[in-house]
N, C-alpha and C. Protein backbone atom coordinates (compact mmCIF):
# COMPACT_ATOMS: atom_id res chain seq x y z
N MET A 1 -16.35 13.83 3.47
CA MET A 1 -14.94 13.55 3.70
C MET A 1 -14.20 14.89 3.75
N GLU A 2 -13.25 15.02 4.63
CA GLU A 2 -12.52 16.28 4.76
C GLU A 2 -11.58 16.45 3.56
N PRO A 3 -11.31 17.69 3.18
CA PRO A 3 -10.51 17.96 1.97
C PRO A 3 -9.14 17.27 1.95
N LEU A 4 -8.45 17.24 3.06
CA LEU A 4 -7.13 16.63 3.10
C LEU A 4 -7.21 15.13 2.80
N SER A 5 -8.13 14.44 3.41
CA SER A 5 -8.29 12.99 3.18
C SER A 5 -8.72 12.71 1.75
N GLU A 6 -9.62 13.53 1.24
CA GLU A 6 -10.10 13.34 -0.13
C GLU A 6 -8.98 13.60 -1.13
N ALA A 7 -8.22 14.65 -0.95
CA ALA A 7 -7.11 14.96 -1.86
C ALA A 7 -6.07 13.85 -1.81
N LEU A 8 -5.78 13.33 -0.62
CA LEU A 8 -4.81 12.25 -0.49
C LEU A 8 -5.31 11.00 -1.20
N ARG A 9 -6.59 10.69 -1.06
CA ARG A 9 -7.17 9.53 -1.76
C ARG A 9 -7.05 9.70 -3.28
N LEU A 10 -7.34 10.90 -3.77
CA LEU A 10 -7.27 11.15 -5.21
C LEU A 10 -5.83 11.06 -5.72
N LEU A 11 -4.88 11.59 -4.97
CA LEU A 11 -3.49 11.52 -5.39
C LEU A 11 -2.97 10.08 -5.40
N ARG A 12 -3.41 9.30 -4.43
CA ARG A 12 -3.02 7.88 -4.40
C ARG A 12 -3.58 7.16 -5.63
N ARG A 13 -4.83 7.43 -5.95
CA ARG A 13 -5.45 6.78 -7.11
C ARG A 13 -4.76 7.21 -8.40
N GLN A 14 -4.40 8.49 -8.49
CA GLN A 14 -3.69 8.98 -9.66
C GLN A 14 -2.37 8.24 -9.83
N SER A 15 -1.66 8.04 -8.75
CA SER A 15 -0.39 7.32 -8.80
C SER A 15 -0.60 5.87 -9.26
N GLU A 16 -1.64 5.23 -8.74
CA GLU A 16 -1.94 3.85 -9.15
C GLU A 16 -2.20 3.78 -10.65
N LEU A 17 -2.97 4.73 -11.16
CA LEU A 17 -3.30 4.74 -12.59
C LEU A 17 -2.06 5.00 -13.45
N GLU A 18 -1.23 5.92 -13.01
CA GLU A 18 -0.01 6.21 -13.77
C GLU A 18 0.91 4.99 -13.79
N ASP A 19 1.01 4.28 -12.68
CA ASP A 19 1.80 3.04 -12.64
C ASP A 19 1.21 2.00 -13.59
N ALA A 20 -0.11 1.87 -13.58
CA ALA A 20 -0.77 0.89 -14.44
C ALA A 20 -0.55 1.20 -15.91
N MET A 21 -0.50 2.47 -16.25
CA MET A 21 -0.28 2.86 -17.65
C MET A 21 1.13 2.51 -18.12
N CYS A 22 2.05 2.41 -17.21
CA CYS A 22 3.44 2.08 -17.57
C CYS A 22 3.65 0.58 -17.77
N ARG A 23 2.74 -0.23 -17.23
CA ARG A 23 2.85 -1.68 -17.37
C ARG A 23 2.40 -2.12 -18.75
N PRO A 24 2.96 -3.20 -19.25
CA PRO A 24 2.52 -3.69 -20.57
C PRO A 24 1.09 -4.21 -20.52
N GLY A 25 0.37 -4.02 -21.62
CA GLY A 25 -1.01 -4.48 -21.71
C GLY A 25 -1.96 -3.54 -21.01
N GLY A 26 -3.23 -3.89 -20.98
CA GLY A 26 -4.21 -3.07 -20.28
C GLY A 26 -4.85 -2.04 -21.19
N ILE A 27 -5.92 -1.46 -20.70
CA ILE A 27 -6.66 -0.47 -21.48
C ILE A 27 -6.24 0.92 -21.01
N ARG A 28 -5.43 1.56 -21.77
CA ARG A 28 -4.88 2.84 -21.38
C ARG A 28 -5.87 4.00 -21.56
N VAL A 29 -6.78 3.89 -22.49
CA VAL A 29 -7.74 4.97 -22.73
C VAL A 29 -8.60 5.20 -21.50
N VAL A 30 -9.08 4.14 -20.91
CA VAL A 30 -9.92 4.24 -19.71
C VAL A 30 -9.12 4.85 -18.56
N GLU A 31 -7.89 4.37 -18.39
CA GLU A 31 -7.05 4.89 -17.31
C GLU A 31 -6.74 6.37 -17.52
N GLU A 32 -6.46 6.73 -18.77
CA GLU A 32 -6.14 8.13 -19.07
C GLU A 32 -7.34 9.04 -18.79
N ARG A 33 -8.52 8.60 -19.14
CA ARG A 33 -9.73 9.38 -18.86
C ARG A 33 -9.93 9.57 -17.36
N GLU A 34 -9.69 8.50 -16.60
CA GLU A 34 -9.84 8.60 -15.16
C GLU A 34 -8.82 9.57 -14.56
N ILE A 35 -7.59 9.55 -15.09
CA ILE A 35 -6.58 10.49 -14.61
C ILE A 35 -7.02 11.92 -14.86
N TYR A 36 -7.56 12.22 -16.03
CA TYR A 36 -8.05 13.58 -16.31
C TYR A 36 -9.18 13.96 -15.35
N ALA A 37 -10.06 13.03 -15.07
CA ALA A 37 -11.16 13.29 -14.14
C ALA A 37 -10.63 13.55 -12.72
N LEU A 38 -9.64 12.76 -12.32
CA LEU A 38 -9.04 12.95 -10.99
C LEU A 38 -8.38 14.33 -10.89
N ARG A 39 -7.69 14.72 -11.95
CA ARG A 39 -7.02 16.03 -11.92
C ARG A 39 -8.04 17.16 -11.82
N GLU A 40 -9.17 17.00 -12.45
CA GLU A 40 -10.23 18.01 -12.33
C GLU A 40 -10.75 18.07 -10.89
N GLN A 41 -10.92 16.92 -10.27
CA GLN A 41 -11.38 16.88 -8.88
C GLN A 41 -10.34 17.50 -7.94
N LEU A 42 -9.07 17.25 -8.21
CA LEU A 42 -8.00 17.79 -7.36
C LEU A 42 -7.95 19.32 -7.40
N LYS A 43 -8.45 19.91 -8.46
CA LYS A 43 -8.48 21.38 -8.56
C LYS A 43 -9.36 22.00 -7.47
N HIS A 44 -10.24 21.22 -6.90
CA HIS A 44 -11.11 21.72 -5.83
C HIS A 44 -10.41 21.78 -4.47
N TYR A 45 -9.21 21.19 -4.38
CA TYR A 45 -8.48 21.11 -3.11
C TYR A 45 -7.04 21.63 -3.23
N PRO A 46 -6.84 22.84 -3.72
CA PRO A 46 -5.45 23.29 -3.94
C PRO A 46 -4.62 23.37 -2.66
N ALA A 47 -5.20 23.82 -1.57
CA ALA A 47 -4.44 23.93 -0.31
C ALA A 47 -4.08 22.55 0.22
N ALA A 48 -4.99 21.61 0.13
CA ALA A 48 -4.73 20.25 0.61
C ALA A 48 -3.65 19.57 -0.24
N VAL A 49 -3.72 19.76 -1.55
CA VAL A 49 -2.72 19.18 -2.44
C VAL A 49 -1.34 19.76 -2.13
N ARG A 50 -1.28 21.07 -1.92
CA ARG A 50 0.00 21.71 -1.60
C ARG A 50 0.54 21.16 -0.27
N ALA A 51 -0.32 21.00 0.73
CA ALA A 51 0.11 20.47 2.03
C ALA A 51 0.63 19.04 1.90
N ILE A 52 -0.01 18.24 1.07
CA ILE A 52 0.41 16.85 0.86
C ILE A 52 1.77 16.80 0.17
N ILE A 53 1.93 17.60 -0.86
CA ILE A 53 3.20 17.62 -1.60
C ILE A 53 4.33 18.15 -0.71
N ASP A 54 4.04 19.18 0.08
CA ASP A 54 5.04 19.70 1.00
C ASP A 54 5.45 18.65 2.03
N ALA A 55 4.47 17.92 2.56
CA ALA A 55 4.76 16.88 3.56
C ALA A 55 5.60 15.77 2.93
N ALA A 56 5.27 15.36 1.72
CA ALA A 56 6.04 14.32 1.04
C ALA A 56 7.48 14.76 0.84
N SER A 57 7.66 16.01 0.46
CA SER A 57 9.00 16.54 0.26
C SER A 57 9.76 16.62 1.58
N ARG A 58 9.11 17.14 2.59
CA ARG A 58 9.74 17.30 3.90
C ARG A 58 10.14 15.96 4.51
N LEU A 59 9.29 14.94 4.34
CA LEU A 59 9.54 13.63 4.92
C LEU A 59 10.35 12.71 3.99
N HIS A 60 10.61 13.17 2.75
CA HIS A 60 11.35 12.37 1.77
C HIS A 60 10.65 11.03 1.53
N ARG A 61 9.33 11.09 1.35
CA ARG A 61 8.53 9.89 1.12
C ARG A 61 7.59 10.12 -0.04
N PRO A 62 7.23 9.06 -0.75
CA PRO A 62 6.23 9.21 -1.82
C PRO A 62 4.85 9.54 -1.22
N VAL A 63 4.05 10.21 -2.00
CA VAL A 63 2.70 10.59 -1.56
C VAL A 63 1.89 9.37 -1.13
N GLU A 64 2.06 8.27 -1.84
CA GLU A 64 1.26 7.07 -1.55
C GLU A 64 1.48 6.52 -0.14
N THR A 65 2.62 6.85 0.45
CA THR A 65 2.93 6.30 1.77
C THR A 65 2.50 7.21 2.92
N LEU A 66 1.99 8.38 2.61
CA LEU A 66 1.61 9.34 3.65
C LEU A 66 0.23 9.04 4.20
N SER A 67 0.04 9.41 5.45
CA SER A 67 -1.28 9.34 6.07
C SER A 67 -1.70 10.76 6.41
N PRO A 68 -2.98 11.00 6.64
CA PRO A 68 -3.40 12.34 7.04
C PRO A 68 -2.66 12.83 8.29
N ARG A 69 -2.33 11.94 9.17
CA ARG A 69 -1.60 12.31 10.39
C ARG A 69 -0.21 12.87 10.04
N ASP A 70 0.47 12.26 9.05
CA ASP A 70 1.79 12.75 8.62
C ASP A 70 1.69 14.19 8.11
N ILE A 71 0.65 14.46 7.39
CA ILE A 71 0.49 15.78 6.78
C ILE A 71 0.11 16.81 7.83
N GLU A 72 -0.79 16.46 8.71
CA GLU A 72 -1.23 17.40 9.74
C GLU A 72 -0.11 17.70 10.73
N ALA A 73 0.81 16.77 10.93
CA ALA A 73 1.92 16.98 11.87
C ALA A 73 2.85 18.10 11.40
N GLY A 74 2.91 18.30 10.10
CA GLY A 74 3.82 19.30 9.57
C GLY A 74 3.20 20.67 9.38
N GLN A 75 1.91 20.80 9.63
CA GLN A 75 1.24 22.08 9.40
C GLN A 75 1.32 22.96 10.61
């Protein structure tokens, strides 16, 4: 998988987990561990993460709503 697509997938999953942790109930320890693991994986794609965050800011949209095409259009 190309770095941009992989970083976008990881950021989307991180957002899902953070949302789940805010909801009542559920197993937060498992979610928290997965978030730490995702953050470690994201360290392998610093340029892709920066491009995704820049695109989200430029387009005024949450990361979860972006596609690789949105990000590549701004580069």
